[in-house]
Protein backbone atom coordinates (compact mmCIF):
# COMPACT_ATOMS: atom_id res chain seq x y z
CA MET A 1 117.85 124.58 106.20
CA ILE A 2 114.48 123.38 107.43
CA VAL A 3 114.93 121.00 110.33
CA ALA A 4 112.73 119.14 112.75
CA ASP A 5 111.67 121.12 115.79
CA LYS A 6 112.14 117.94 117.83
CA PRO A 7 113.42 115.26 115.45
CA GLU A 8 113.24 112.40 117.91
CA LYS A 9 110.73 111.09 120.39
CA ALA A 10 111.71 109.93 123.86
CA ASP A 11 112.14 106.37 122.58
CA GLY A 12 114.57 107.52 119.87
CA ALA A 13 112.11 107.10 116.97
CA ILE A 14 111.83 109.82 114.39
CA ASP A 15 108.73 111.98 114.93
CA LEU A 16 107.46 112.13 111.36
CA ASP A 17 104.78 114.69 112.18
CA ARG A 18 107.45 117.24 113.10
CA THR A 19 110.18 116.52 110.59
CA ARG A 20 111.10 118.99 107.84
CA THR A 21 113.37 118.56 104.86
CA SER A 22 116.36 120.41 103.49
CA LEU A 23 115.15 119.29 100.07
CA ILE A 24 112.16 121.63 100.36
CA THR A 25 114.49 124.57 100.90
CA ARG A 26 116.52 123.61 97.83
CA LEU A 27 113.45 123.25 95.65
CA ALA A 28 111.81 126.44 96.86
CA ALA A 29 114.95 128.36 95.87
CA GLY A 30 114.36 127.30 92.25
CA GLY A 31 116.65 126.06 89.50
CA ASP A 32 117.51 122.79 91.23
CA GLU A 33 116.96 120.18 88.53
CA ALA A 34 118.80 117.49 90.50
CA GLY A 35 116.59 118.21 93.50
CA TRP A 36 113.42 117.85 91.46
CA GLN A 37 114.67 114.60 89.95
CA LEU A 38 115.21 113.33 93.49
CA PHE A 39 111.74 114.52 94.49
CA PHE A 40 110.26 112.72 91.46
CA ASP A 41 112.14 109.50 92.22
CA ILE A 42 110.96 109.45 95.84
CA TYR A 43 107.31 110.41 95.42
CA TRP A 44 106.17 109.50 91.89
CA LYS A 45 105.45 105.86 92.66
CA LEU A 46 103.69 106.74 95.92
CA ILE A 47 101.30 109.16 94.18
CA TYR A 48 100.73 106.85 91.21
CA LEU A 49 99.84 103.79 93.33
CA PHE A 50 97.67 105.86 95.66
CA ALA A 51 95.71 107.17 92.67
CA LEU A 52 95.26 103.62 91.35
CA LYS A 53 93.91 102.42 94.70
CA SER A 54 91.50 105.36 94.72
CA GLY A 55 89.80 103.89 91.65
CA LEU A 56 91.57 105.53 88.72
CA SER A 57 92.87 103.76 85.63
CA PRO A 58 96.65 103.46 85.05
CA VAL A 59 96.56 106.30 82.51
CA GLU A 60 94.56 108.52 84.86
CA ALA A 61 96.85 107.65 87.78
CA GLU A 62 99.90 108.55 85.71
CA ASP A 63 98.33 111.92 84.90
CA VAL A 64 97.67 112.48 88.60
CA ALA A 65 101.29 111.73 89.49
CA LEU A 66 102.70 114.05 86.84
CA GLU A 67 100.21 116.84 87.55
CA THR A 68 100.74 116.61 91.32
CA ILE A 69 104.50 116.90 90.96
CA ALA A 70 104.06 119.80 88.53
CA GLU A 71 101.75 121.51 91.03
CA ALA A 72 104.29 120.90 93.79
CA ALA A 73 106.94 122.56 91.62
CA ARG A 74 104.72 125.62 91.21
CA THR A 75 103.67 125.97 94.85
CA ILE A 76 106.41 124.51 97.04
CA GLY A 77 107.75 127.99 97.71
CA ALA A 78 104.53 128.73 99.61
CA TYR A 79 104.83 125.65 101.80
CA SER A 80 105.63 126.26 105.45
CA LYS A 81 105.44 124.22 108.64
CA GLU A 82 102.63 126.47 109.87
CA LYS A 83 100.42 124.93 107.16
CA GLY A 84 101.03 121.40 108.41
CA THR A 85 103.41 118.54 107.74
CA PHE A 86 104.96 118.07 104.34
CA ARG A 87 103.28 114.69 103.92
CA THR A 88 99.87 116.30 104.61
CA TRP A 89 100.59 119.09 102.12
CA LEU A 90 101.52 116.54 99.45
CA PHE A 91 98.44 114.47 100.34
CA LYS A 92 96.18 117.46 99.72
CA LEU A 93 97.77 118.16 96.34
CA THR A 94 97.34 114.50 95.39
CA ARG A 95 93.73 114.34 96.57
CA TRP A 96 92.81 117.45 94.58
CA ARG A 97 94.33 116.01 91.41
CA ILE A 98 92.51 112.70 91.92
CA ARG A 99 89.21 114.53 92.31
CA ASP A 100 89.95 116.43 89.10
CA GLU A 101 90.42 113.13 87.25
CA PHE A 102 87.08 111.79 88.48
CA ARG A 103 85.37 114.99 87.39
CA LYS A 104 87.10 114.80 84.01
CA ARG A 105 85.88 111.22 83.63
CA LYS A 106 82.31 112.33 84.35
CA ARG A 107 82.52 115.04 81.68
CA LEU A 108 84.00 112.69 79.07
CA TYR A 109 81.52 109.89 79.77
CA PRO A 110 78.12 111.37 80.71
CA LYS A 111 74.99 109.27 80.94
CA GLY A 112 74.47 107.25 77.80
CA PHE A 113 78.17 106.40 77.50
CA GLU A 114 78.45 103.94 80.37
CA ASP A 115 79.87 101.23 78.09
CA ALA A 116 82.76 103.43 77.06
CA ALA A 117 83.41 104.36 80.67
CA SER A 118 83.46 100.70 81.73
CA ASP A 119 87.02 100.36 80.48
CA PHE A 120 88.12 102.48 83.40
CA ALA A 121 88.98 100.97 86.76
CA LYS A 122 85.92 100.75 88.99
CA GLY A 123 85.51 103.57 91.43
CA SER A 124 83.07 106.17 92.66
CA GLU A 125 82.79 109.54 91.00
CA GLU A 126 84.34 111.09 94.04
CA ILE A 127 87.08 109.89 96.33
CA PRO A 128 85.67 107.87 99.25
CA ASP A 129 84.88 109.70 102.47
CA PRO A 130 85.55 110.34 105.23
CA VAL A 131 88.79 112.13 104.43
CA CYS A 132 90.41 110.95 107.65
CA GLU A 133 90.24 107.32 106.44
CA LEU A 134 91.78 108.32 103.12
CA GLU A 135 94.55 110.18 104.91
CA GLU A 136 95.26 107.15 107.09
CA ARG A 137 95.69 105.09 103.92
CA TRP A 138 97.96 107.80 102.48
CA ASN A 139 100.13 107.74 105.63
CA SER A 140 100.41 103.97 105.42
CA GLU A 141 101.37 104.13 101.73
CA PHE A 142 103.81 106.94 102.53
CA GLU A 143 105.62 104.77 105.08
CA MET A 144 105.71 101.78 102.72
CA ASN A 145 107.15 103.98 99.98
CA LEU A 146 109.93 105.19 102.26
CA LEU A 147 110.72 101.61 103.27
CA GLU A 148 110.92 100.51 99.63
CA GLN A 149 113.23 103.45 98.91
CA ALA A 150 115.48 102.44 101.81
CA ILE A 151 115.58 98.79 100.72
CA ASP A 152 116.37 99.75 97.13
CA ARG A 153 119.22 102.03 98.20
CA VAL A 154 120.76 99.36 100.42
CA LYS A 155 120.39 96.79 97.64
CA ARG A 156 122.54 99.00 95.40
CA GLN A 157 125.15 99.44 98.12
CA VAL A 158 125.87 95.83 99.17
CA ASP A 159 127.07 92.66 97.48
CA SER A 160 124.30 90.97 95.49
CA LYS A 161 124.65 87.63 97.30
CA ARG A 162 124.41 89.29 100.69
CA PHE A 163 121.21 91.02 99.68
CA GLN A 164 119.82 87.82 98.15
CA ILE A 165 120.31 86.02 101.46
CA PHE A 166 118.43 88.79 103.27
CA ASP A 167 115.70 88.98 100.62
CA LEU A 168 114.99 85.24 100.65
CA ASN A 169 115.02 85.02 104.43
CA VAL A 170 113.19 88.20 105.45
CA ARG A 171 111.06 89.30 102.50
CA LYS A 172 110.23 85.94 100.92
CA GLN A 173 110.18 84.07 104.23
CA TRP A 174 112.22 81.09 103.05
CA PRO A 175 113.43 78.77 105.83
CA PRO A 176 117.19 79.00 106.51
CA ALA A 177 117.76 75.36 105.50
CA ARG A 178 116.39 76.00 102.01
CA ILE A 179 118.50 79.15 101.57
CA ALA A 180 121.61 77.34 102.78
CA ARG A 181 121.13 74.58 100.21
CA LEU A 182 120.41 76.96 97.34
CA LEU A 183 123.20 79.49 97.96
CA LYS A 184 125.66 77.11 99.61
CA VAL A 185 126.07 79.19 102.74
CA SER A 186 125.97 78.35 106.43
CA ARG A 187 122.95 79.05 108.60
CA ALA A 188 125.16 81.27 110.72
CA ARG A 189 125.82 83.53 107.73
CA ILE A 190 122.10 83.74 107.00
CA TYR A 191 121.42 85.04 110.51
CA VAL A 192 124.35 87.46 110.31
CA GLU A 193 123.21 88.93 106.97
CA LYS A 194 119.65 89.20 108.22
CA HIS A 195 120.89 91.36 111.09
CA ARG A 196 123.44 93.40 109.14
CA ILE A 197 121.28 94.17 106.09
CA GLY A 198 118.31 94.87 108.31
CA LEU A 199 120.38 97.37 110.28
CA LEU A 200 121.53 99.10 107.08
CA ILE A 201 117.92 99.40 105.94
CA GLN A 202 116.85 100.88 109.27
CA ARG A 203 119.65 103.44 109.11
CA GLU A 204 118.75 104.36 105.53
CA LEU A 205 115.10 104.68 106.53
CA VAL A 206 116.01 107.08 109.33
CA ARG A 207 118.13 109.09 106.89
CA LEU A 208 115.27 109.31 104.39
CA ARG A 209 112.84 110.38 107.08
CA LYS A 210 115.12 113.14 108.30
CA LYS A 211 115.86 114.52 104.85
CA TYR A 212 112.85 113.86 102.64
CA VAL A 213 109.72 113.57 104.78
């Protein structure tokens, strides 16, 4: 199993730059269809949305997501911690596929076909530089993707009304009085569910970071 060299910082937070995942070991061994489905579920949306925000069309972004995951399947056996963090490795694969899509666009729509190319999402022919800024955006999207995964998993684990209370209060920022009237619950329960569901999400987020980052 691949584990973090030092999984926690002094303050107890997970050190994402040093974490490793048992999933990588499973996938590198080959023949793990369930593992690849899990990999797809966790990272497909992240890659797709990142490609969209880089200036690609939805169809192009979908191609990037599928091709990146296919490339990961072919090369994950060569991945090692000496080559950097897993998130950086996946970022490089994604960036290469995005560049390929921009180059493909240029070949399909050379000068004289600007009108046809205008149907695509606006974007430069190459991914914006410097790379460090792009990687910062990737890291931010990576964290948001993990949080969404954690929230979705907790949502499927708890009673729907409990999650609705949390969702309205924390995510939609409704005032407690409005939630109490709508769902016919006390303000005390709203505060309790906010704490309890929030704690479950934090625990799930830590679990995801340890296993899949």
